[in-house]
């Protein structure tokens, strides 16, 4: 039921107003001064406030100012009651947070009309808030989807780029380590050729789940880097610690036991991992870390696949140009090796 708070120090006027509200079928609560009005407002959460301007102690203007502070995110209509008809009084009431004005004695017809108008405005406000909330939720869902890979549910390349730049900046400011792991499914083209693309999609989804499970901390990010390539962003992690995480991920993928008759490494799906870590400075940017991890991945591929290799482990002179992994490119090549 629509609840109205009536605040008036004059008992006769308060009683007359309450009688009108009762005839209109509204629930009414009464306060005889400003302090009581504030207490009832907080406790009863009325839908409308009818308040006298002049009351002992806290006058109506100050009460409404405090009401607006108490309900900054929830608009409650306020109608001032007064025996004065000065335009300046009306202006002060609006500036204090009031929405309308009624002179005493209150006319039942006018009061009913004012209440109906306020209820209509409140209904419109509630509808607008509901639509606004729906739009906000829809925008949040859209934002999440725009940064999520549709096949695997991992972060997509856009999210990966944003997160890596953010975490690199934080690591640089705090002089903390950060590591990047890039991974590639061994002989994935042969897998698709043998089992078909639907099976390939299912394979990628299962691998994504295994990689996601290795991200145990809130700041860790598992991403689909493109095609059959994946990446892990590991803040506050050294290269050696990240290599151990990569080995853990490699074992998790092996434990899936996804059959792969086209592999030259094993009879099940395997992955190769490249790892790079640093404490970034002005010279080491996100692209630098990506390039180093790519070089380590290339070296792991050249060394026989199904292994995790750190950038610092690459012998001098063997750091070949980074592999150019573009989204959807499952056959990227580098000198001396064909990637499947």
C-alpha atoms as a PDB file:
ATOM      1  CA  UNK A   1       0.000   0.000   0.000  1.00  0.00           C
ATOM      2  CA  UNK A   2       1.132   3.555  -0.744  1.00  0.00           C
ATOM      3  CA  UNK A   3       2.500   4.973   2.516  1.00  0.00           C
ATOM      4  CA  UNK A   4       2.445   8.695   3.377  1.00  0.00           C
ATOM      5  CA  UNK A   5       4.390  10.397   6.167  1.00  0.00           C
ATOM      6  CA  UNK A   6       2.604  13.459   7.574  1.00  0.00           C
ATOM      7  CA  UNK A   7       4.787  15.785   9.668  1.00  0.00           C
ATOM      8  CA  UNK A   8       3.037  18.757  11.300  1.00  0.00           C
ATOM      9  CA  UNK A   9       3.350  20.173  14.810  1.00  0.00           C
ATOM     10  CA  UNK A  10      -0.280  21.367  14.736  1.00  0.00           C
ATOM     11  CA  UNK A  11      -2.370  18.419  15.939  1.00  0.00           C
ATOM     12  CA  UNK A  12      -5.612  19.683  14.394  1.00  0.00           C
ATOM     13  CA  UNK A  13      -4.040  20.168  10.957  1.00  0.00           C
ATOM     14  CA  UNK A  14      -2.297  16.802  11.207  1.00  0.00           C
ATOM     15  CA  UNK A  15      -5.555  15.076  12.079  1.00  0.00           C
ATOM     16  CA  UNK A  16      -7.391  16.742   9.184  1.00  0.00           C
ATOM     17  CA  UNK A  17      -4.729  15.664   6.716  1.00  0.00           C
ATOM     18  CA  UNK A  18      -4.700  12.099   8.041  1.00  0.00           C
ATOM     19  CA  UNK A  19      -8.482  11.899   7.647  1.00  0.00           C
ATOM     20  CA  UNK A  20      -8.231  12.947   4.006  1.00  0.00           C
ATOM     21  CA  UNK A  21      -5.557  10.320   3.363  1.00  0.00           C
ATOM     22  CA  UNK A  22      -7.637   7.630   5.019  1.00  0.00           C
ATOM     23  CA  UNK A  23     -10.586   8.457   2.769  1.00  0.00           C
ATOM     24  CA  UNK A  24      -8.276   8.073  -0.205  1.00  0.00           C
ATOM     25  CA  UNK A  25      -7.399   4.569   0.999  1.00  0.00           C
ATOM     26  CA  UNK A  26      -3.770   5.412   1.778  1.00  0.00           C
ATOM     27  CA  UNK A  27      -1.667   4.291   4.730  1.00  0.00           C
ATOM     28  CA  UNK A  28      -0.561   7.256   6.828  1.00  0.00           C
ATOM     29  CA  UNK A  29       2.001   7.691   9.588  1.00  0.00           C
ATOM     30  CA  UNK A  30       2.337  10.893  11.587  1.00  0.00           C
ATOM     31  CA  UNK A  31       5.136  12.909  13.175  1.00  0.00           C
ATOM     32  CA  UNK A  32       4.683  15.920  15.425  1.00  0.00           C
ATOM     33  CA  UNK A  33       8.154  17.437  14.933  1.00  0.00           C
ATOM     34  CA  UNK A  34      11.201  17.323  12.650  1.00  0.00           C
ATOM     35  CA  UNK A  35      13.259  14.802  14.622  1.00  0.00           C
ATOM     36  CA  UNK A  36      10.386  12.335  14.768  1.00  0.00           C
ATOM     37  CA  UNK A  37       9.808  12.839  11.047  1.00  0.00           C
ATOM     38  CA  UNK A  38      13.410  11.864  10.291  1.00  0.00           C
ATOM     39  CA  UNK A  39      13.199   8.786  12.523  1.00  0.00           C
ATOM     40  CA  UNK A  40       9.972   7.635  10.874  1.00  0.00           C
ATOM     41  CA  UNK A  41      11.340   8.304   7.413  1.00  0.00           C
ATOM     42  CA  UNK A  42      14.347   6.049   8.028  1.00  0.00           C
ATOM     43  CA  UNK A  43      12.312   3.313   9.713  1.00  0.00           C
ATOM     44  CA  UNK A  44       9.069   3.279   7.694  1.00  0.00           C
ATOM     45  CA  UNK A  45      10.408   4.129   4.200  1.00  0.00           C
ATOM     46  CA  UNK A  46       7.317   6.134   3.092  1.00  0.00           C
ATOM     47  CA  UNK A  47       6.373   6.639  -0.552  1.00  0.00           C
ATOM     48  CA  UNK A  48       5.412  10.311  -0.026  1.00  0.00           C
ATOM     49  CA  UNK A  49       6.165  12.995   2.563  1.00  0.00           C
ATOM     50  CA  UNK A  50       3.723  15.781   3.503  1.00  0.00           C
ATOM     51  CA  UNK A  51       5.576  18.164   5.812  1.00  0.00           C
ATOM     52  CA  UNK A  52       4.893  21.504   7.443  1.00  0.00           C
ATOM     53  CA  UNK A  53       7.491  24.165   6.741  1.00  0.00           C
ATOM     54  CA  UNK A  54       7.398  25.738  10.188  1.00  0.00           C
ATOM     55  CA  UNK A  55       7.981  23.349  13.090  1.00  0.00           C
ATOM     56  CA  UNK A  56       9.859  23.735  16.381  1.00  0.00           C
ATOM     57  CA  UNK A  57      13.417  22.402  16.493  1.00  0.00           C
ATOM     58  CA  UNK A  58      14.135  21.150  12.993  1.00  0.00           C
ATOM     59  CA  UNK A  59      11.922  23.005  10.556  1.00  0.00           C
ATOM     60  CA  UNK A  60      10.521  21.353   7.470  1.00  0.00           C
ATOM     61  CA  UNK A  61      13.194  22.756   5.159  1.00  0.00           C
ATOM     62  CA  UNK A  62      16.034  21.258   7.198  1.00  0.00           C
ATOM     63  CA  UNK A  63      14.203  17.934   7.547  1.00  0.00           C
ATOM     64  CA  UNK A  64      13.835  17.676   3.770  1.00  0.00           C
ATOM     65  CA  UNK A  65      17.501  18.542   3.218  1.00  0.00           C
ATOM     66  CA  UNK A  66      18.435  15.644   5.491  1.00  0.00           C
ATOM     67  CA  UNK A  67      15.894  13.347   3.833  1.00  0.00           C
ATOM     68  CA  UNK A  68      17.531  14.032   0.467  1.00  0.00           C
ATOM     69  CA  UNK A  69      20.915  13.150   1.964  1.00  0.00           C
ATOM     70  CA  UNK A  70      19.516   9.945   3.448  1.00  0.00           C
ATOM     71  CA  UNK A  71      17.885   8.840   0.190  1.00  0.00           C
ATOM     72  CA  UNK A  72      20.277  10.213  -2.418  1.00  0.00           C
ATOM     73  CA  UNK A  73      19.738   7.203  -4.708  1.00  0.00           C
ATOM     74  CA  UNK A  74      16.023   6.802  -4.042  1.00  0.00           C
ATOM     75  CA  UNK A  75      13.714   9.693  -4.845  1.00  0.00           C
ATOM     76  CA  UNK A  76      10.775  10.134  -2.483  1.00  0.00           C
ATOM     77  CA  UNK A  77       8.327  12.919  -3.433  1.00  0.00           C
ATOM     78  CA  UNK A  78       7.931  15.704  -0.872  1.00  0.00           C
ATOM     79  CA  UNK A  79       5.035  18.189  -0.642  1.00  0.00           C
ATOM     80  CA  UNK A  80       5.405  21.126   1.724  1.00  0.00           C
ATOM     81  CA  UNK A  81       2.431  22.282   3.796  1.00  0.00           C
ATOM     82  CA  UNK A  82       2.345  25.939   4.862  1.00  0.00           C
ATOM     83  CA  UNK A  83      -0.004  28.747   5.765  1.00  0.00           C
ATOM     84  CA  UNK A  84       2.255  31.249   3.972  1.00  0.00           C
ATOM     85  CA  UNK A  85       1.822  32.093   0.300  1.00  0.00           C
ATOM     86  CA  UNK A  86       4.993  34.101  -0.338  1.00  0.00           C
ATOM     87  CA  UNK A  87       6.798  33.175  -3.573  1.00  0.00           C
ATOM     88  CA  UNK A  88      10.115  33.290  -1.707  1.00  0.00           C
ATOM     89  CA  UNK A  89       8.872  30.556   0.622  1.00  0.00           C
ATOM     90  CA  UNK A  90       7.999  28.398  -2.371  1.00  0.00           C
ATOM     91  CA  UNK A  91      11.488  28.942  -3.838  1.00  0.00           C
ATOM     92  CA  UNK A  92      13.188  28.028  -0.570  1.00  0.00           C
ATOM     93  CA  UNK A  93      11.140  24.841  -0.365  1.00  0.00           C
ATOM     94  CA  UNK A  94      12.115  23.728  -3.866  1.00  0.00           C
ATOM     95  CA  UNK A  95      15.778  24.528  -3.217  1.00  0.00           C
ATOM     96  CA  UNK A  96      15.652  22.446  -0.022  1.00  0.00           C
ATOM     97  CA  UNK A  97      14.513  19.417  -2.024  1.00  0.00           C
ATOM     98  CA  UNK A  98      10.736  19.738  -2.084  1.00  0.00           C
ATOM     99  CA  UNK A  99       8.689  18.831  -5.143  1.00  0.00           C
ATOM    100  CA  UNK A 100       5.460  20.735  -4.571  1.00  0.00           C
ATOM    101  CA  UNK A 101       3.618  23.104  -2.228  1.00  0.00           C
ATOM    102  CA  UNK A 102       0.188  23.143  -0.572  1.00  0.00           C
ATOM    103  CA  UNK A 103      -1.288  25.954   1.484  1.00  0.00           C
ATOM    104  CA  UNK A 104      -3.236  25.218   4.643  1.00  0.00           C
ATOM    105  CA  UNK A 105      -5.982  24.423   5.256  1.00  0.00           C
ATOM    106  CA  UNK A 106      -5.502  21.593   2.809  1.00  0.00           C
ATOM    107  CA  UNK A 107      -8.220  21.063   0.217  1.00  0.00           C
ATOM    108  CA  UNK A 108      -9.120  17.348  -0.108  1.00  0.00           C
ATOM    109  CA  UNK A 109      -9.593  17.712  -3.872  1.00  0.00           C
ATOM    110  CA  UNK A 110      -6.288  19.481  -4.387  1.00  0.00           C
ATOM    111  CA  UNK A 111      -4.434  17.074  -2.089  1.00  0.00           C
ATOM    112  CA  UNK A 112      -5.828  14.062  -3.970  1.00  0.00           C
ATOM    113  CA  UNK A 113      -4.794  15.616  -7.284  1.00  0.00           C
ATOM    114  CA  UNK A 114      -1.284  16.326  -5.996  1.00  0.00           C
ATOM    115  CA  UNK A 115      -0.892  12.796  -4.655  1.00  0.00           C
ATOM    116  CA  UNK A 116      -2.054  11.295  -7.938  1.00  0.00           C
ATOM    117  CA  UNK A 117       0.436  13.436  -9.820  1.00  0.00           C
ATOM    118  CA  UNK A 118       3.262  12.416  -7.496  1.00  0.00           C
ATOM    119  CA  UNK A 119       2.332   8.731  -7.753  1.00  0.00           C
ATOM    120  CA  UNK A 120       2.298   8.990 -11.529  1.00  0.00           C
ATOM    121  CA  UNK A 121       5.746  10.579 -11.507  1.00  0.00           C
ATOM    122  CA  UNK A 122       6.998   7.924  -9.102  1.00  0.00           C
ATOM    123  CA  UNK A 123       5.650   5.139 -11.327  1.00  0.00           C
ATOM    124  CA  UNK A 124       7.378   6.693 -14.334  1.00  0.00           C
ATOM    125  CA  UNK A 125      10.607   6.992 -12.363  1.00  0.00           C
ATOM    126  CA  UNK A 126      10.447   3.336 -11.323  1.00  0.00           C
ATOM    127  CA  UNK A 127       9.832   2.245 -14.914  1.00  0.00           C
ATOM    128  CA  UNK A 128      12.746   4.372 -16.066  1.00  0.00           C
ATOM    129  CA  UNK A 129      14.994   2.901 -13.374  1.00  0.00           C
ATOM    130  CA  UNK A 130      13.985  -0.629 -14.398  1.00  0.00           C
ATOM    131  CA  UNK A 131      14.781   0.098 -18.037  1.00  0.00           C
ATOM    132  CA  UNK A 132      18.062   1.745 -17.035  1.00  0.00           C
ATOM    133  CA  UNK A 133      18.997  -1.302 -14.969  1.00  0.00           C
ATOM    134  CA  UNK A 134      18.179  -3.632 -17.860  1.00  0.00           C
ATOM    135  CA  UNK A 135      20.294  -1.517 -20.205  1.00  0.00           C
ATOM    136  CA  UNK A 136      23.179  -1.468 -17.743  1.00  0.00           C
ATOM    137  CA  UNK A 137      23.044  -5.249 -17.356  1.00  0.00           C
ATOM    138  CA  UNK A 138      22.849  -5.686 -21.130  1.00  0.00           C
ATOM    139  CA  UNK A 139      25.855  -3.412 -21.611  1.00  0.00           C
ATOM    140  CA  UNK A 140      27.800  -5.334 -18.973  1.00  0.00           C
ATOM    141  CA  UNK A 141      26.979  -8.623 -20.691  1.00  0.00           C
ATOM    142  CA  UNK A 142      27.985  -7.150 -24.041  1.00  0.00           C
ATOM    143  CA  UNK A 143      31.257  -5.870 -22.573  1.00  0.00           C
ATOM    144  CA  UNK A 144      32.018  -9.321 -21.162  1.00  0.00           C
ATOM    145  CA  UNK A 145      31.184 -11.001 -24.452  1.00  0.00           C
ATOM    146  CA  UNK A 146      33.327  -8.532 -26.402  1.00  0.00           C
ATOM    147  CA  UNK A 147      36.342  -9.669 -24.362  1.00  0.00           C
ATOM    148  CA  UNK A 148      35.544 -13.387 -24.302  1.00  0.00           C
ATOM    149  CA  UNK A 149      36.439 -16.003 -26.863  1.00  0.00           C
ATOM    150  CA  UNK A 150      33.212 -17.479 -28.177  1.00  0.00           C
ATOM    151  CA  UNK A 151      34.526 -21.032 -28.563  1.00  0.00           C
ATOM    152  CA  UNK A 152      36.498 -21.578 -25.356  1.00  0.00           C
ATOM    153  CA  UNK A 153      35.118 -18.987 -22.949  1.00  0.00           C
ATOM    154  CA  UNK A 154      38.654 -17.754 -22.226  1.00  0.00           C
ATOM    155  CA  UNK A 155      39.773 -14.161 -22.622  1.00  0.00           C
ATOM    156  CA  UNK A 156      40.035 -13.254 -26.291  1.00  0.00           C
ATOM    157  CA  UNK A 157      42.950 -11.510 -28.001  1.00  0.00           C
ATOM    158  CA  UNK A 158      41.552  -8.048 -27.262  1.00  0.00           C
ATOM    159  CA  UNK A 159      41.230  -8.826 -23.561  1.00  0.00           C
ATOM    160  CA  UNK A 160      44.688 -10.425 -23.594  1.00  0.00           C
ATOM    161  CA  UNK A 161      46.274  -7.267 -25.018  1.00  0.00           C
ATOM    162  CA  UNK A 162      44.498  -5.024 -22.493  1.00  0.00           C
ATOM    163  CA  UNK A 163      45.327  -7.221 -19.497  1.00  0.00           C
ATOM    164  CA  UNK A 164      48.954  -7.653 -20.501  1.00  0.00           C
ATOM    165  CA  UNK A 165      49.484  -3.907 -20.878  1.00  0.00           C
ATOM    166  CA  UNK A 166      47.797  -3.251 -17.530  1.00  0.00           C
ATOM    167  CA  UNK A 167      49.790  -5.896 -15.677  1.00  0.00           C
ATOM    168  CA  UNK A 168      53.044  -4.794 -17.315  1.00  0.00           C
ATOM    169  CA  UNK A 169      52.378  -1.254 -16.154  1.00  0.00           C
ATOM    170  CA  UNK A 170      51.652  -2.396 -12.618  1.00  0.00           C
ATOM    171  CA  UNK A 171      54.761  -4.607 -12.533  1.00  0.00           C
ATOM    172  CA  UNK A 172      56.859  -1.690 -13.785  1.00  0.00           C
ATOM    173  CA  UNK A 173      55.513   0.691 -11.144  1.00  0.00           C
ATOM    174  CA  UNK A 174      55.893  -1.801  -8.293  1.00  0.00           C
ATOM    175  CA  UNK A 175      59.128  -3.360  -9.608  1.00  0.00           C
ATOM    176  CA  UNK A 176      57.546  -6.794  -9.475  1.00  0.00           C
ATOM    177  CA  UNK A 177      58.115  -9.765 -11.818  1.00  0.00           C
ATOM    178  CA  UNK A 178      55.659 -10.789 -14.476  1.00  0.00           C
ATOM    179  CA  UNK A 179      55.669 -13.809 -16.765  1.00  0.00           C
ATOM    180  CA  UNK A 180      53.980 -14.784 -19.986  1.00  0.00           C
ATOM    181  CA  UNK A 181      53.379 -18.301 -21.279  1.00  0.00           C
ATOM    182  CA  UNK A 182      52.399 -18.892 -24.895  1.00  0.00           C
ATOM    183  CA  UNK A 183      51.332 -22.349 -25.996  1.00  0.00           C
ATOM    184  CA  UNK A 184      50.521 -24.087 -29.249  1.00  0.00           C
ATOM    185  CA  UNK A 185      48.722 -27.389 -29.872  1.00  0.00           C
ATOM    186  CA  UNK A 186      51.147 -29.764 -31.578  1.00  0.00           C
ATOM    187  CA  UNK A 187      50.140 -30.872 -35.093  1.00  0.00           C
ATOM    188  CA  UNK A 188      46.684 -29.346 -34.765  1.00  0.00           C
ATOM    189  CA  UNK A 189      46.190 -29.081 -38.520  1.00  0.00           C
ATOM    190  CA  UNK A 190      46.728 -32.826 -38.737  1.00  0.00           C
ATOM    191  CA  UNK A 191      44.195 -33.280 -35.931  1.00  0.00           C
ATOM    192  CA  UNK A 192      41.545 -31.344 -37.870  1.00  0.00           C
ATOM    193  CA  UNK A 193      42.385 -33.217 -41.061  1.00  0.00           C
ATOM    194  CA  UNK A 194      42.011 -36.552 -39.258  1.00  0.00           C
ATOM    195  CA  UNK A 195      39.007 -35.966 -37.012  1.00  0.00           C
ATOM    196  CA  UNK A 196      37.241 -32.950 -38.546  1.00  0.00           C
ATOM    197  CA  UNK A 197      36.695 -29.393 -37.350  1.00  0.00           C
ATOM    198  CA  UNK A 198      33.879 -30.142 -34.851  1.00  0.00           C
ATOM    199  CA  UNK A 199      36.229 -32.523 -33.053  1.00  0.00           C
ATOM    200  CA  UNK A 200      38.922 -29.843 -33.296  1.00  0.00           C
ATOM    201  CA  UNK A 201      36.627 -27.302 -31.641  1.00  0.00           C
ATOM    202  CA  UNK A 202      35.833 -29.757 -28.847  1.00  0.00           C
ATOM    203  CA  UNK A 203      39.558 -30.401 -28.415  1.00  0.00           C
ATOM    204  CA  UNK A 204      40.229 -26.667 -28.017  1.00  0.00           C
ATOM    205  CA  UNK A 205      37.422 -26.315 -25.487  1.00  0.00           C
ATOM    206  CA  UNK A 206      38.815 -29.145 -23.371  1.00  0.00           C
ATOM    207  CA  UNK A 207      42.328 -27.718 -23.549  1.00  0.00           C
ATOM    208  CA  UNK A 208      40.963 -24.325 -22.517  1.00  0.00           C
ATOM    209  CA  UNK A 209      39.441 -25.913 -19.419  1.00  0.00           C
ATOM    210  CA  UNK A 210      42.765 -27.491 -18.501  1.00  0.00           C
ATOM    211  CA  UNK A 211      44.595 -24.190 -18.929  1.00  0.00           C
ATOM    212  CA  UNK A 212      41.968 -22.275 -16.985  1.00  0.00           C
ATOM    213  CA  UNK A 213      42.455 -24.657 -14.070  1.00  0.00           C
ATOM    214  CA  UNK A 214      46.109 -23.629 -13.827  1.00  0.00           C
ATOM    215  CA  UNK A 215      45.082 -20.000 -13.156  1.00  0.00           C
ATOM    216  CA  UNK A 216      44.569 -20.217  -9.432  1.00  0.00           C
ATOM    217  CA  UNK A 217      45.109 -16.562  -8.497  1.00  0.00           C
ATOM    218  CA  UNK A 218      42.684 -13.703  -9.217  1.00  0.00           C
ATOM    219  CA  UNK A 219      45.239 -11.866 -11.367  1.00  0.00           C
ATOM    220  CA  UNK A 220      46.118 -14.849 -13.583  1.00  0.00           C
ATOM    221  CA  UNK A 221      44.632 -14.710 -17.082  1.00  0.00           C
ATOM    222  CA  UNK A 222      44.140 -17.578 -19.523  1.00  0.00           C
ATOM    223  CA  UNK A 223      43.499 -16.422 -23.084  1.00  0.00           C
ATOM    224  CA  UNK A 224      42.975 -17.842 -26.514  1.00  0.00           C
ATOM    225  CA  UNK A 225      45.730 -16.080 -28.397  1.00  0.00           C
ATOM    226  CA  UNK A 226      44.443 -17.097 -31.818  1.00  0.00           C
ATOM    227  CA  UNK A 227      43.628 -20.306 -33.689  1.00  0.00           C
ATOM    228  CA  UNK A 228      45.147 -23.146 -31.652  1.00  0.00           C
ATOM    229  CA  UNK A 229      47.431 -20.800 -29.692  1.00  0.00           C
ATOM    230  CA  UNK A 230      46.838 -19.959 -26.043  1.00  0.00           C
ATOM    231  CA  UNK A 231      48.515 -17.687 -23.507  1.00  0.00           C
ATOM    232  CA  UNK A 232      48.777 -17.302 -19.739  1.00  0.00           C
ATOM    233  CA  UNK A 233      49.494 -13.946 -18.095  1.00  0.00           C
ATOM    234  CA  UNK A 234      51.029 -14.578 -14.677  1.00  0.00           C
ATOM    235  CA  UNK A 235      51.602 -11.452 -12.532  1.00  0.00           C
ATOM    236  CA  UNK A 236      54.082 -11.598  -9.640  1.00  0.00           C
ATOM    237  CA  UNK A 237      55.683 -14.670 -11.198  1.00  0.00           C
ATOM    238  CA  UNK A 238      59.294 -15.282 -12.202  1.00  0.00           C
ATOM    239  CA  UNK A 239      60.194 -17.022 -15.432  1.00  0.00           C
ATOM    240  CA  UNK A 240      61.256 -20.167 -13.594  1.00  0.00           C
ATOM    241  CA  UNK A 241      58.008 -20.294 -11.604  1.00  0.00           C
ATOM    242  CA  UNK A 242      56.051 -19.698 -14.803  1.00  0.00           C
ATOM    243  CA  UNK A 243      57.901 -22.556 -16.491  1.00  0.00           C
ATOM    244  CA  UNK A 244      56.756 -24.855 -13.685  1.00  0.00           C
ATOM    245  CA  UNK A 245      53.180 -23.657 -14.281  1.00  0.00           C
ATOM    246  CA  UNK A 246      53.643 -24.419 -17.971  1.00  0.00           C
ATOM    247  CA  UNK A 247      54.826 -27.935 -17.155  1.00  0.00           C
ATOM    248  CA  UNK A 248      51.745 -28.328 -14.944  1.00  0.00           C
ATOM    249  CA  UNK A 249      49.536 -27.165 -17.824  1.00  0.00           C
ATOM    250  CA  UNK A 250      51.322 -29.508 -20.231  1.00  0.00           C
ATOM    251  CA  UNK A 251      50.620 -32.440 -17.920  1.00  0.00           C
ATOM    252  CA  UNK A 252      46.991 -31.367 -17.517  1.00  0.00           C
ATOM    253  CA  UNK A 253      46.553 -31.402 -21.301  1.00  0.00           C
ATOM    254  CA  UNK A 254      48.219 -34.815 -21.538  1.00  0.00           C
ATOM    255  CA  UNK A 255      45.864 -36.101 -18.834  1.00  0.00           C
ATOM    256  CA  UNK A 256      42.919 -35.325 -21.110  1.00  0.00           C
ATOM    257  CA  UNK A 257      44.104 -38.245 -23.292  1.00  0.00           C
ATOM    258  CA  UNK A 258      42.576 -36.832 -26.462  1.00  0.00           C
ATOM    259  CA  UNK A 259      43.427 -39.271 -29.236  1.00  0.00           C
ATOM    260  CA  UNK A 260      45.646 -37.853 -32.020  1.00  0.00           C
ATOM    261  CA  UNK A 261      46.720 -40.383 -34.630  1.00  0.00           C
ATOM    262  CA  UNK A 262      48.206 -37.640 -36.800  1.00  0.00           C
ATOM    263  CA  UNK A 263      50.746 -36.499 -34.198  1.00  0.00           C
ATOM    264  CA  UNK A 264      54.422 -37.243 -34.642  1.00  0.00           C
ATOM    265  CA  UNK A 265      55.024 -36.772 -30.913  1.00  0.00           C
ATOM    266  CA  UNK A 266      52.494 -39.001 -29.176  1.00  0.00           C
ATOM    267  CA  UNK A 267      49.243 -40.828 -29.765  1.00  0.00           C
ATOM    268  CA  UNK A 268      47.365 -38.135 -27.810  1.00  0.00           C
ATOM    269  CA  UNK A 269      47.143 -34.353 -28.090  1.00  0.00           C
ATOM    270  CA  UNK A 270      50.183 -32.514 -26.722  1.00  0.00           C
ATOM    271  CA  UNK A 271      51.226 -28.872 -26.484  1.00  0.00           C
ATOM    272  CA  UNK A 272      54.435 -26.894 -26.664  1.00  0.00           C
ATOM    273  CA  UNK A 273      55.047 -23.956 -24.334  1.00  0.00           C
ATOM    274  CA  UNK A 274      57.243 -20.891 -24.494  1.00  0.00           C
ATOM    275  CA  UNK A 275      57.873 -18.917 -21.314  1.00  0.00           C
ATOM    276  CA  UNK A 276      59.304 -15.450 -20.710  1.00  0.00           C
ATOM    277  CA  UNK A 277      59.537 -13.412 -17.541  1.00  0.00           C
ATOM    278  CA  UNK A 278      61.026 -10.142 -16.381  1.00  0.00           C
ATOM    279  CA  UNK A 279      60.836  -7.207 -14.044  1.00  0.00           C
ATOM    280  CA  UNK A 280      59.866  -4.634 -16.681  1.00  0.00           C
ATOM    281  CA  UNK A 281      61.612  -1.305 -17.095  1.00  0.00           C
ATOM    282  CA  UNK A 282      61.280   1.464 -19.656  1.00  0.00           C
ATOM    283  CA  UNK A 283      62.875  -0.701 -22.369  1.00  0.00           C
ATOM    284  CA  UNK A 284      60.809  -3.835 -21.750  1.00  0.00           C
ATOM    285  CA  UNK A 285      57.230  -3.374 -22.949  1.00  0.00           C
ATOM    286  CA  UNK A 286      54.395  -5.830 -23.554  1.00  0.00           C
ATOM    287  CA  UNK A 287      55.527  -6.533 -27.120  1.00  0.00           C
ATOM    288  CA  UNK A 288      58.982  -7.399 -25.805  1.00  0.00           C
ATOM    289  CA  UNK A 289      57.594 -10.047 -23.464  1.00  0.00           C
ATOM    290  CA  UNK A 290      55.384 -11.480 -26.226  1.00  0.00           C
ATOM    291  CA  UNK A 291      58.349 -11.659 -28.594  1.00  0.00           C
ATOM    292  CA  UNK A 292      60.489 -13.450 -26.024  1.00  0.00           C
ATOM    293  CA  UNK A 293      57.776 -15.978 -25.214  1.00  0.00           C
ATOM    294  CA  UNK A 294      57.231 -16.567 -28.946  1.00  0.00           C
ATOM    295  CA  UNK A 295      60.946 -17.198 -29.415  1.00  0.00           C
ATOM    296  CA  UNK A 296      60.923 -19.702 -26.564  1.00  0.00           C
ATOM    297  CA  UNK A 297      57.908 -21.432 -28.120  1.00  0.00           C
ATOM    298  CA  UNK A 298      59.701 -21.600 -31.474  1.00  0.00           C
ATOM    299  CA  UNK A 299      62.719 -23.171 -29.788  1.00  0.00           C
ATOM    300  CA  UNK A 300      60.468 -25.719 -28.034  1.00  0.00           C
ATOM    301  CA  UNK A 301      58.912 -26.611 -31.392  1.00  0.00           C
ATOM    302  CA  UNK A 302      62.301 -26.997 -33.005  1.00  0.00           C
ATOM    303  CA  UNK A 303      63.553 -29.122 -30.119  1.00  0.00           C
ATOM    304  CA  UNK A 304      60.807 -31.688 -30.663  1.00  0.00           C
ATOM    305  CA  UNK A 305      57.565 -30.240 -29.263  1.00  0.00           C
ATOM    306  CA  UNK A 306      55.626 -31.400 -26.179  1.00  0.00           C
ATOM    307  CA  UNK A 307      57.811 -29.417 -23.803  1.00  0.00           C
ATOM    308  CA  UNK A 308      58.025 -26.123 -21.920  1.00  0.00           C
ATOM    309  CA  UNK A 309      61.032 -23.908 -22.575  1.00  0.00           C
ATOM    310  CA  UNK A 310      61.986 -20.601 -20.996  1.00  0.00           C
ATOM    311  CA  UNK A 311      63.463 -17.719 -22.954  1.00  0.00           C
ATOM    312  CA  UNK A 312      66.500 -17.671 -20.703  1.00  0.00           C
ATOM    313  CA  UNK A 313      67.153 -21.350 -21.599  1.00  0.00           C
ATOM    314  CA  UNK A 314      67.589 -20.682 -25.306  1.00  0.00           C
ATOM    315  CA  UNK A 315      71.288 -21.084 -26.209  1.00  0.00           C
ATOM    316  CA  UNK A 316      72.976 -17.971 -27.574  1.00  0.00           C
ATOM    317  CA  UNK A 317      72.421 -17.637 -31.317  1.00  0.00           C
ATOM    318  CA  UNK A 318      69.360 -19.883 -31.351  1.00  0.00           C
ATOM    319  CA  UNK A 319      66.779 -17.208 -30.625  1.00  0.00           C
ATOM    320  CA  UNK A 320      65.240 -17.261 -34.088  1.00  0.00           C
ATOM    321  CA  UNK A 321      62.779 -14.598 -35.228  1.00  0.00           C
ATOM    322  CA  UNK A 322      59.496 -14.745 -33.392  1.00  0.00           C
ATOM    323  CA  UNK A 323      56.669 -16.747 -34.938  1.00  0.00           C
ATOM    324  CA  UNK A 324      53.939 -14.520 -36.295  1.00  0.00           C
ATOM    325  CA  UNK A 325      50.773 -16.001 -34.836  1.00  0.00           C
ATOM    326  CA  UNK A 326      47.777 -14.312 -36.407  1.00  0.00           C
ATOM    327  CA  UNK A 327      44.203 -15.146 -35.460  1.00  0.00           C
ATOM    328  CA  UNK A 328      43.002 -18.080 -37.515  1.00  0.00           C
ATOM    329  CA  UNK A 329      46.437 -18.860 -38.951  1.00  0.00           C
ATOM    330  CA  UNK A 330      47.027 -22.528 -38.161  1.00  0.00           C
ATOM    331  CA  UNK A 331      50.011 -22.929 -40.489  1.00  0.00           C
ATOM    332  CA  UNK A 332      52.399 -20.120 -39.512  1.00  0.00           C
ATOM    333  CA  UNK A 333      55.996 -20.917 -40.440  1.00  0.00           C
ATOM    334  CA  UNK A 334      59.483 -19.935 -39.356  1.00  0.00           C
ATOM    335  CA  UNK A 335      62.877 -20.682 -40.871  1.00  0.00           C
ATOM    336  CA  UNK A 336      63.787 -24.385 -40.723  1.00  0.00           C
ATOM    337  CA  UNK A 337      60.475 -25.714 -39.351  1.00  0.00           C
ATOM    338  CA  UNK A 338      56.863 -26.186 -40.404  1.00  0.00           C
ATOM    339  CA  UNK A 339      54.305 -25.740 -37.654  1.00  0.00           C
ATOM    340  CA  UNK A 340      51.219 -27.927 -37.786  1.00  0.00           C
END
